[in-house]
Amino acid sequence: SLHDALPIFLEKVAKLQPGEKQTLKSFANDLIPVLCTEMKTPGFWGNADRVSSLQGLVGYRLVDSGVDAVVERYESLANDLVQLAKARQVDLLG
């Protein structure tokens, strides 16, 4: 599920300090409902402005996580996370 995939993805791309794994797990748990709400919008993926806005929100939340390794690459990670959500949309919206 995406609940498991998000933290695992972030662990793979970022060198984490002790304790940051739990922070990213909490980040993922907080982010999933936001992703679901946005993706339920009819035509969401066809609306570049909405997708861009979601990437901005994900980026803001990554910075807000305070995890240095994630903050350093927040823009590319935000894009990757939104694409991961798109790929896992069936999981998310079941």
Protein backbone atom coordinates (compact mmCIF):
# COMPACT_ATOMS: atom_id res chain seq x y z
CA SER A 1 0.00 0.00 0.00
CA LEU A 2 1.04 3.61 -0.34
CA HIS A 3 1.12 3.92 3.47
CA ASP A 4 4.11 1.58 3.35
CA ALA A 5 5.52 2.74 0.03
CA LEU A 6 5.94 6.45 0.87
CA PRO A 7 8.27 6.04 3.86
CA ILE A 8 10.20 3.25 2.13
CA PHE A 9 10.66 5.45 -0.95
CA LEU A 10 11.90 8.36 1.16
CA GLU A 11 14.29 6.09 3.08
CA LYS A 12 15.80 4.88 -0.19
CA VAL A 13 16.45 8.34 -1.57
CA ALA A 14 17.53 10.11 1.60
CA LYS A 15 20.21 9.29 4.16
CA LEU A 16 18.26 9.39 7.40
CA GLN A 17 19.46 10.10 10.90
CA PRO A 18 18.19 7.97 13.80
CA GLY A 19 14.62 8.91 14.59
CA GLU A 20 13.89 10.41 11.19
CA LYS A 21 12.32 7.20 9.92
CA GLN A 22 9.43 7.66 12.38
CA THR A 23 9.11 11.32 11.38
CA LEU A 24 8.72 10.29 7.74
CA LYS A 25 6.20 7.62 8.66
CA SER A 26 4.11 10.29 10.40
CA PHE A 27 4.59 12.55 7.37
CA ALA A 28 3.26 9.80 5.09
CA ASN A 29 0.27 9.12 7.35
CA ASP A 30 -0.62 12.82 7.33
CA LEU A 31 -0.12 13.15 3.58
CA ILE A 32 -2.21 10.17 2.40
CA PRO A 33 -5.62 11.76 3.16
CA VAL A 34 -4.56 14.94 1.35
CA LEU A 35 -3.52 12.94 -1.72
CA CYS A 36 -6.79 11.00 -1.66
CA THR A 37 -8.89 14.16 -1.42
CA GLU A 38 -7.13 15.75 -4.37
CA MET A 39 -7.17 12.64 -6.56
CA LYS A 40 -10.92 12.20 -6.05
CA THR A 41 -11.46 15.49 -7.87
CA PRO A 42 -12.88 14.65 -11.32
CA GLY A 43 -10.25 15.19 -14.00
CA PHE A 44 -7.53 15.88 -11.42
CA TRP A 45 -4.61 14.38 -13.40
CA GLY A 46 -5.66 16.27 -16.52
CA ASN A 47 -5.51 19.61 -14.69
CA ALA A 48 -1.87 20.74 -14.69
CA ASP A 49 -2.58 23.59 -12.25
CA ARG A 50 -4.09 21.26 -9.66
CA VAL A 51 -1.26 18.72 -10.03
CA SER A 52 1.30 21.53 -9.71
CA SER A 53 -0.52 22.88 -6.65
CA LEU A 54 -0.46 19.42 -5.05
CA GLN A 55 3.28 19.12 -5.75
CA GLY A 56 3.76 22.49 -4.07
CA LEU A 57 1.81 21.36 -1.03
CA VAL A 58 3.79 18.10 -0.81
CA GLY A 59 7.02 20.10 -1.12
CA TYR A 60 5.94 22.47 1.65
CA ARG A 61 5.16 19.51 3.90
CA LEU A 62 8.51 17.90 3.11
CA VAL A 63 10.29 21.10 4.17
CA ASP A 64 8.06 21.28 7.25
CA SER A 65 9.13 17.72 8.21
CA GLY A 66 12.49 19.13 9.25
CA VAL A 67 14.35 16.07 7.94
CA ASP A 68 17.49 17.60 6.42
CA ALA A 69 18.08 14.92 3.79
CA VAL A 70 14.50 15.39 2.54
CA VAL A 71 14.49 19.19 2.78
CA GLU A 72 17.62 19.39 0.59
CA ARG A 73 15.76 17.72 -2.30
CA TYR A 74 12.17 18.64 -1.54
CA GLU A 75 11.23 19.80 -5.07
CA SER A 76 12.27 16.63 -6.88
CA LEU A 77 10.94 14.47 -4.04
CA ALA A 78 7.57 16.23 -4.15
CA ASN A 79 7.34 15.50 -7.87
CA ASP A 80 8.35 11.87 -7.32
CA LEU A 81 5.84 11.42 -4.49
CA VAL A 82 2.97 12.80 -6.57
CA GLN A 83 3.94 10.46 -9.42
CA LEU A 84 4.10 7.56 -6.93
CA ALA A 85 0.60 8.48 -5.74
CA LYS A 86 -0.61 8.54 -9.34
CA ALA A 87 0.86 5.08 -9.95
CA ARG A 88 -0.76 3.81 -6.75
CA GLN A 89 -4.09 5.59 -7.21
CA VAL A 90 -6.03 2.32 -7.23
CA ASP A 91 -4.48 1.42 -3.83
CA LEU A 92 -5.33 4.82 -2.41
CA LEU A 93 -8.87 5.17 -3.64
CA GLY A 94 -9.66 1.46 -3.65
